[in-house]
PDB file of N, CA and C in Angstrom:
ATOM      1  N   MET A   1     -12.975   2.008 -32.811  1.00  0.00           N
ATOM      2  CA  MET A   1     -12.657   2.639 -31.501  1.00  0.00           C
ATOM      3  C   MET A   1     -11.512   1.093 -31.108  1.00  0.00           C
ATOM      4  N   THR A   2     -10.817   1.239 -30.144  1.00  0.00           N
ATOM      5  CA  THR A   2      -9.946   0.087 -29.721  1.00  0.00           C
ATOM      6  C   THR A   2     -10.341   0.104 -28.159  1.00  0.00           C
ATOM      7  N   VAL A   3     -10.596  -0.883 -27.816  1.00  0.00           N
ATOM      8  CA  VAL A   3     -10.799  -1.359 -26.202  1.00  0.00           C
ATOM      9  C   VAL A   3     -10.103  -2.318 -25.948  1.00  0.00           C
ATOM     10  N   ARG A   4      -9.493  -2.004 -24.923  1.00  0.00           N
ATOM     11  CA  ARG A   4      -8.245  -2.880 -24.225  1.00  0.00           C
ATOM     12  C   ARG A   4      -8.272  -3.463 -23.343  1.00  0.00           C
ATOM     13  N   LYS A   5      -7.933  -4.841 -22.957  1.00  0.00           N
ATOM     14  CA  LYS A   5      -8.421  -5.727 -22.354  1.00  0.00           C
ATOM     15  C   LYS A   5      -7.733  -5.893 -21.050  1.00  0.00           C
ATOM     16  N   LEU A   6      -8.126  -5.508 -20.013  1.00  0.00           N
ATOM     17  CA  LEU A   6      -7.574  -5.106 -18.446  1.00  0.00           C
ATOM     18  C   LEU A   6      -7.543  -6.165 -17.696  1.00  0.00           C
ATOM     19  N   LYS A   7      -7.002  -7.046 -16.732  1.00  0.00           N
ATOM     20  CA  LYS A   7      -6.658  -7.596 -15.791  1.00  0.00           C
ATOM     21  C   LYS A   7      -6.715  -7.241 -14.277  1.00  0.00           C
ATOM     22  N   ILE A   8      -6.888  -7.967 -13.615  1.00  0.00           N
ATOM     23  CA  ILE A   8      -6.160  -8.078 -12.118  1.00  0.00           C
ATOM     24  C   ILE A   8      -4.796  -7.575 -12.020  1.00  0.00           C
ATOM     25  N   GLY A   9      -4.699  -6.370 -11.290  1.00  0.00           N
ATOM     26  CA  GLY A   9      -3.070  -6.180 -10.944  1.00  0.00           C
ATOM     27  C   GLY A   9      -3.183  -4.944 -12.355  1.00  0.00           C
ATOM     28  N   ASP A  10      -3.717  -4.958 -13.145  1.00  0.00           N
ATOM     29  CA  ASP A  10      -3.045  -3.389 -13.787  1.00  0.00           C
ATOM     30  C   ASP A  10      -3.557  -2.097 -13.181  1.00  0.00           C
ATOM     31  N   THR A  11      -2.697  -1.425 -13.158  1.00  0.00           N
ATOM     32  CA  THR A  11      -2.675   0.472 -13.172  1.00  0.00           C
ATOM     33  C   THR A  11      -3.312   0.546 -14.159  1.00  0.00           C
ATOM     34  N   ILE A  12      -4.518   1.275 -13.846  1.00  0.00           N
ATOM     35  CA  ILE A  12      -4.770   2.726 -15.135  1.00  0.00           C
ATOM     36  C   ILE A  12      -4.773   4.064 -14.441  1.00  0.00           C
ATOM     37  N   GLU A  13      -4.898   4.902 -15.239  1.00  0.00           N
ATOM     38  CA  GLU A  13      -5.277   6.033 -15.307  1.00  0.00           C
ATOM     39  C   GLU A  13      -6.504   6.850 -15.480  1.00  0.00           C
ATOM     40  N   VAL A  14      -6.975   7.523 -14.612  1.00  0.00           N
ATOM     41  CA  VAL A  14      -8.116   8.605 -15.086  1.00  0.00           C
ATOM     42  C   VAL A  14      -8.782   9.761 -14.380  1.00  0.00           C
ATOM     43  N   ASP A  15      -8.352  10.637 -15.280  1.00  0.00           N
ATOM     44  CA  ASP A  15      -8.597  11.869 -14.874  1.00  0.00           C
ATOM     45  C   ASP A  15      -7.035  12.036 -13.828  1.00  0.00           C
ATOM     46  N   GLY A  16      -5.926  11.759 -14.440  1.00  0.00           N
ATOM     47  CA  GLY A  16      -5.020  12.237 -14.138  1.00  0.00           C
ATOM     48  C   GLY A  16      -4.366  11.669 -12.526  1.00  0.00           C
ATOM     49  N   GLU A  17      -5.202  10.269 -12.134  1.00  0.00           N
ATOM     50  CA  GLU A  17      -5.562   9.782 -11.214  1.00  0.00           C
ATOM     51  C   GLU A  17      -4.943   8.454 -11.373  1.00  0.00           C
ATOM     52  N   LEU A  18      -4.147   7.597 -10.870  1.00  0.00           N
ATOM     53  CA  LEU A  18      -3.761   6.114 -10.952  1.00  0.00           C
ATOM     54  C   LEU A  18      -4.762   5.600 -10.285  1.00  0.00           C
ATOM     55  N   TYR A  19      -5.128   4.313 -10.603  1.00  0.00           N
ATOM     56  CA  TYR A  19      -5.644   3.213  -9.911  1.00  0.00           C
ATOM     57  C   TYR A  19      -4.976   2.202  -9.935  1.00  0.00           C
ATOM     58  N   ASP A  20      -5.242   1.009  -9.564  1.00  0.00           N
ATOM     59  CA  ASP A  20      -5.035  -0.527  -9.658  1.00  0.00           C
ATOM     60  C   ASP A  20      -6.309  -0.698 -10.056  1.00  0.00           C
ATOM     61  N   ILE A  21      -6.234  -2.445 -10.459  1.00  0.00           N
ATOM     62  CA  ILE A  21      -8.028  -3.102 -10.528  1.00  0.00           C
ATOM     63  C   ILE A  21      -7.158  -4.514  -9.445  1.00  0.00           C
ATOM     64  N   VAL A  22      -8.370  -4.516  -8.890  1.00  0.00           N
ATOM     65  CA  VAL A  22      -8.354  -5.373  -7.858  1.00  0.00           C
ATOM     66  C   VAL A  22      -9.761  -5.996  -7.452  1.00  0.00           C
ATOM     67  N   ARG A  23      -9.559  -7.018  -6.697  1.00  0.00           N
ATOM     68  CA  ARG A  23     -10.925  -7.773  -6.224  1.00  0.00           C
ATOM     69  C   ARG A  23     -10.874  -7.746  -5.104  1.00  0.00           C
ATOM     70  N   ASP A  24     -12.502  -7.277  -4.366  1.00  0.00           N
ATOM     71  CA  ASP A  24     -12.368  -6.751  -3.199  1.00  0.00           C
ATOM     72  C   ASP A  24     -13.289  -7.754  -2.475  1.00  0.00           C
ATOM     73  N   GLU A  25     -13.521  -7.687  -1.135  1.00  0.00           N
ATOM     74  CA  GLU A  25     -13.896  -9.168  -0.594  1.00  0.00           C
ATOM     75  C   GLU A  25     -15.167 -10.040  -0.674  1.00  0.00           C
ATOM     76  N   ASP A  26     -15.902  -9.269  -1.915  1.00  0.00           N
ATOM     77  CA  ASP A  26     -16.583  -9.888  -2.582  1.00  0.00           C
ATOM     78  C   ASP A  26     -16.582 -10.550  -3.601  1.00  0.00           C
ATOM     79  N   ASP A  27     -15.664 -11.079  -3.574  1.00  0.00           N
ATOM     80  CA  ASP A  27     -14.683 -11.128  -5.432  1.00  0.00           C
ATOM     81  C   ASP A  27     -15.016 -10.400  -6.493  1.00  0.00           C
ATOM     82  N   ARG A  28     -15.504  -8.986  -6.101  1.00  0.00           N
ATOM     83  CA  ARG A  28     -16.056  -8.090  -7.705  1.00  0.00           C
ATOM     84  C   ARG A  28     -14.716  -7.775  -7.808  1.00  0.00           C
ATOM     85  N   VAL A  29     -14.738  -7.174  -9.285  1.00  0.00           N
ATOM     86  CA  VAL A  29     -13.668  -6.427  -9.541  1.00  0.00           C
ATOM     87  C   VAL A  29     -13.865  -4.723  -9.484  1.00  0.00           C
ATOM     88  N   THR A  30     -12.702  -3.888  -8.605  1.00  0.00           N
ATOM     89  CA  THR A  30     -13.139  -2.724  -8.116  1.00  0.00           C
ATOM     90  C   THR A  30     -11.700  -2.054  -8.453  1.00  0.00           C
ATOM     91  N   LEU A  31     -11.322  -0.393  -8.391  1.00  0.00           N
ATOM     92  CA  LEU A  31     -10.637  -0.222  -8.676  1.00  0.00           C
ATOM     93  C   LEU A  31     -10.308   0.776  -7.358  1.00  0.00           C
ATOM     94  N   GLU A  32      -9.095   0.508  -6.686  1.00  0.00           N
ATOM     95  CA  GLU A  32      -8.256   1.224  -5.694  1.00  0.00           C
ATOM     96  C   GLU A  32      -7.033   1.798  -5.853  1.00  0.00           C
ATOM     97  N   PRO A  33      -7.330   3.513  -5.233  1.00  0.00           N
ATOM     98  CA  PRO A  33      -5.764   4.520  -5.607  1.00  0.00           C
ATOM     99  C   PRO A  33      -5.069   3.598  -5.581  1.00  0.00           C
ATOM    100  N   THR A  34      -3.545   3.802  -6.305  1.00  0.00           N
ATOM    101  CA  THR A  34      -2.565   3.290  -6.316  1.00  0.00           C
ATOM    102  C   THR A  34      -1.506   4.198  -5.515  1.00  0.00           C
ATOM    103  N   ILE A  35      -0.507   3.170  -4.680  1.00  0.00           N
ATOM    104  CA  ILE A  35      -0.148   3.566  -3.863  1.00  0.00           C
ATOM    105  C   ILE A  35       1.432   3.939  -4.844  1.00  0.00           C
ATOM    106  N   THR A  36       1.464   5.479  -4.643  1.00  0.00           N
ATOM    107  CA  THR A  36       2.479   5.949  -5.347  1.00  0.00           C
ATOM    108  C   THR A  36       3.684   6.409  -4.598  1.00  0.00           C
ATOM    109  N   GLU A  37       3.533   6.937  -3.172  1.00  0.00           N
ATOM    110  CA  GLU A  37       4.915   7.187  -2.329  1.00  0.00           C
ATOM    111  C   GLU A  37       5.559   5.687  -1.571  1.00  0.00           C
ATOM    112  N   THR A  38       6.765   5.856  -1.580  1.00  0.00           N
ATOM    113  CA  THR A  38       7.600   4.990  -0.812  1.00  0.00           C
ATOM    114  C   THR A  38       7.357   5.611   0.904  1.00  0.00           C
ATOM    115  N   VAL A  39       7.427   4.333   1.859  1.00  0.00           N
ATOM    116  CA  VAL A  39       7.806   4.957   3.079  1.00  0.00           C
ATOM    117  C   VAL A  39       8.563   5.769   3.221  1.00  0.00           C
ATOM    118  N   ASP A  40       9.734   5.915   2.788  1.00  0.00           N
ATOM    119  CA  ASP A  40      10.948   6.877   2.837  1.00  0.00           C
ATOM    120  C   ASP A  40      10.717   8.394   2.047  1.00  0.00           C
ATOM    121  N   GLU A  41       9.916   8.287   1.548  1.00  0.00           N
ATOM    122  CA  GLU A  41       9.384   9.301   0.253  1.00  0.00           C
ATOM    123  C   GLU A  41       8.094  10.181   1.679  1.00  0.00           C
ATOM    124  N   ILE A  42       7.755   9.442   2.146  1.00  0.00           N
ATOM    125  CA  ILE A  42       6.632   9.615   3.218  1.00  0.00           C
ATOM    126  C   ILE A  42       7.421  10.771   4.697  1.00  0.00           C
ATOM    127  N   PHE A  43       8.347   9.885   4.601  1.00  0.00           N
ATOM    128  CA  PHE A  43       9.183  10.390   6.027  1.00  0.00           C
ATOM    129  C   PHE A  43       9.807  11.839   5.700  1.00  0.00           C
ATOM    130  N   ARG A  44      10.178  11.779   3.977  1.00  0.00           N
ATOM    131  CA  ARG A  44      10.945  12.983   4.191  1.00  0.00           C
ATOM    132  C   ARG A  44       9.876  14.250   3.705  1.00  0.00           C
ATOM    133  N   ARG A  45       8.825  13.562   3.056  1.00  0.00           N
ATOM    134  CA  ARG A  45       7.932  15.302   2.825  1.00  0.00           C
ATOM    135  C   ARG A  45       6.859  15.415   4.768  1.00  0.00           C
ATOM    136  N   VAL A  46       6.675  14.334   5.585  1.00  0.00           N
ATOM    137  CA  VAL A  46       6.358  14.755   6.783  1.00  0.00           C
ATOM    138  C   VAL A  46       7.040  14.778   8.037  1.00  0.00           C
ATOM    139  N   GLY A  47       7.979  14.550   7.757  1.00  0.00           N
ATOM    140  CA  GLY A  47       8.507  14.165   8.996  1.00  0.00           C
ATOM    141  C   GLY A  47       8.887  12.620   9.190  1.00  0.00           C
ATOM    142  N   GLY A  48       9.557  12.165  10.807  1.00  0.00           N
ATOM    143  CA  GLY A  48       9.676  11.319  11.146  1.00  0.00           C
ATOM    144  C   GLY A  48      10.261  10.084  10.688  1.00  0.00           C
ATOM    145  N   ARG A  49      10.122   8.555  11.100  1.00  0.00           N
ATOM    146  CA  ARG A  49      11.414   7.749  10.770  1.00  0.00           C
ATOM    147  C   ARG A  49      11.224   6.273  11.405  1.00  0.00           C
ATOM    148  N   PRO A  50      11.803   5.374  10.945  1.00  0.00           N
ATOM    149  CA  PRO A  50      11.012   4.311  11.578  1.00  0.00           C
ATOM    150  C   PRO A  50      11.545   4.090  13.229  1.00  0.00           C
ATOM    151  N   LEU A  51      10.825   3.773  13.909  1.00  0.00           N
ATOM    152  CA  LEU A  51      10.886   3.063  15.827  1.00  0.00           C
ATOM    153  C   LEU A  51      11.642   1.881  15.343  1.00  0.00           C
ATOM    154  N   THR A  52      12.970   2.300  16.891  1.00  0.00           N
ATOM    155  CA  THR A  52      13.651   1.488  16.987  1.00  0.00           C
ATOM    156  C   THR A  52      12.727  -0.113  17.568  1.00  0.00           C
ATOM    157  N   HIS A  53      13.522  -1.051  17.747  1.00  0.00           N
ATOM    158  CA  HIS A  53      12.925  -1.850  18.161  1.00  0.00           C
ATOM    159  C   HIS A  53      12.602  -1.664  20.349  1.00  0.00           C
ATOM    160  N   GLU A  54      13.705  -0.716  20.509  1.00  0.00           N
ATOM    161  CA  GLU A  54      13.059  -0.129  22.345  1.00  0.00           C
ATOM    162  C   GLU A  54      12.030   0.191  22.149  1.00  0.00           C
ATOM    163  N   GLU A  55      12.192   1.281  21.362  1.00  0.00           N
ATOM    164  CA  GLU A  55      11.088   2.187  20.645  1.00  0.00           C
ATOM    165  C   GLU A  55       9.493   1.503  20.672  1.00  0.00           C
ATOM    166  N   PHE A  56       9.322   0.309  19.452  1.00  0.00           N
ATOM    167  CA  PHE A  56       8.264   0.112  19.300  1.00  0.00           C
ATOM    168  C   PHE A  56       8.233  -0.506  20.436  1.00  0.00           C
ATOM    169  N   GLU A  57       8.640  -1.403  21.493  1.00  0.00           N
ATOM    170  CA  GLU A  57       7.889  -2.771  22.980  1.00  0.00           C
ATOM    171  C   GLU A  57       7.894  -1.465  23.631  1.00  0.00           C
ATOM    172  N   ALA A  58       8.382  -0.143  24.027  1.00  0.00           N
ATOM    173  CA  ALA A  58       7.858   0.680  24.882  1.00  0.00           C
ATOM    174  C   ALA A  58       6.511   1.409  24.298  1.00  0.00           C
ATOM    175  N   ARG A  59       5.821   1.518  23.367  1.00  0.00           N
ATOM    176  CA  ARG A  59       5.029   1.861  22.835  1.00  0.00           C
ATOM    177  C   ARG A  59       4.000   0.868  22.379  1.00  0.00           C
ATOM    178  N   PHE A  60       3.723  -0.220  21.635  1.00  0.00           N
ATOM    179  CA  PHE A  60       3.056  -1.350  21.139  1.00  0.00           C
ATOM    180  C   PHE A  60       2.555  -2.522  22.798  1.00  0.00           C
ATOM    181  N   GLY A  61       4.395  -2.892  23.340  1.00  0.00           N
ATOM    182  CA  GLY A  61       4.765  -3.786  24.289  1.00  0.00           C
ATOM    183  C   GLY A  61       4.934  -4.803  23.134  1.00  0.00           C
ATOM    184  N   HIS A  62       5.782  -5.738  23.485  1.00  0.00           N
ATOM    185  CA  HIS A  62       6.038  -6.976  23.580  1.00  0.00           C
ATOM    186  C   HIS A  62       4.520  -7.853  22.602  1.00  0.00           C
ATOM    187  N   LEU A  63       5.401  -8.085  21.939  1.00  0.00           N
ATOM    188  CA  LEU A  63       4.210  -9.141  20.641  1.00  0.00           C
ATOM    189  C   LEU A  63       4.542 -10.407  20.467  1.00  0.00           C
ATOM    190  N   PRO A  64       4.155 -11.752  20.340  1.00  0.00           N
ATOM    191  CA  PRO A  64       4.434 -12.733  20.145  1.00  0.00           C
ATOM    192  C   PRO A  64       5.112 -12.950  18.677  1.00  0.00           C
ATOM    193  N   SER A  65       6.157 -13.598  18.030  1.00  0.00           N
ATOM    194  CA  SER A  65       6.949 -13.649  17.150  1.00  0.00           C
ATOM    195  C   SER A  65       7.253 -15.471  16.662  1.00  0.00           C
ATOM    196  N   ASP A  66       7.380 -15.673  16.075  1.00  0.00           N
ATOM    197  CA  ASP A  66       7.189 -16.994  15.382  1.00  0.00           C
ATOM    198  C   ASP A  66       9.228 -17.391  15.129  1.00  0.00           C
ATOM    199  N   ASP A  67       9.361 -16.018  15.119  1.00  0.00           N
ATOM    200  CA  ASP A  67      11.017 -16.002  15.059  1.00  0.00           C
ATOM    201  C   ASP A  67      11.880 -16.574  13.581  1.00  0.00           C
ATOM    202  N   GLU A  68      10.905 -15.965  12.806  1.00  0.00           N
ATOM    203  CA  GLU A  68      11.314 -16.336  11.343  1.00  0.00           C
ATOM    204  C   GLU A  68      11.349 -14.972  10.281  1.00  0.00           C
ATOM    205  N   GLY A  69      11.530 -13.866  11.068  1.00  0.00           N
ATOM    206  CA  GLY A  69      11.690 -12.411  10.567  1.00  0.00           C
ATOM    207  C   GLY A  69      11.380 -11.552  10.536  1.00  0.00           C
TER     208      GLY A  69
END
């Protein structure tokens, strides 16, 4: 039997599902489901689109910015 060494950031498959190896808030190693869909794919699947600047401000109000992006 060959044992493969894994490291933080690796992706593994378990029973057909993909998981990322990550550290949790207590600095322990854990598995998290891998994000496999882009935002554009989600919009196509469930509908929707990004908000315009005006729609964002109308919904959430003005957010402070450092003007760096």
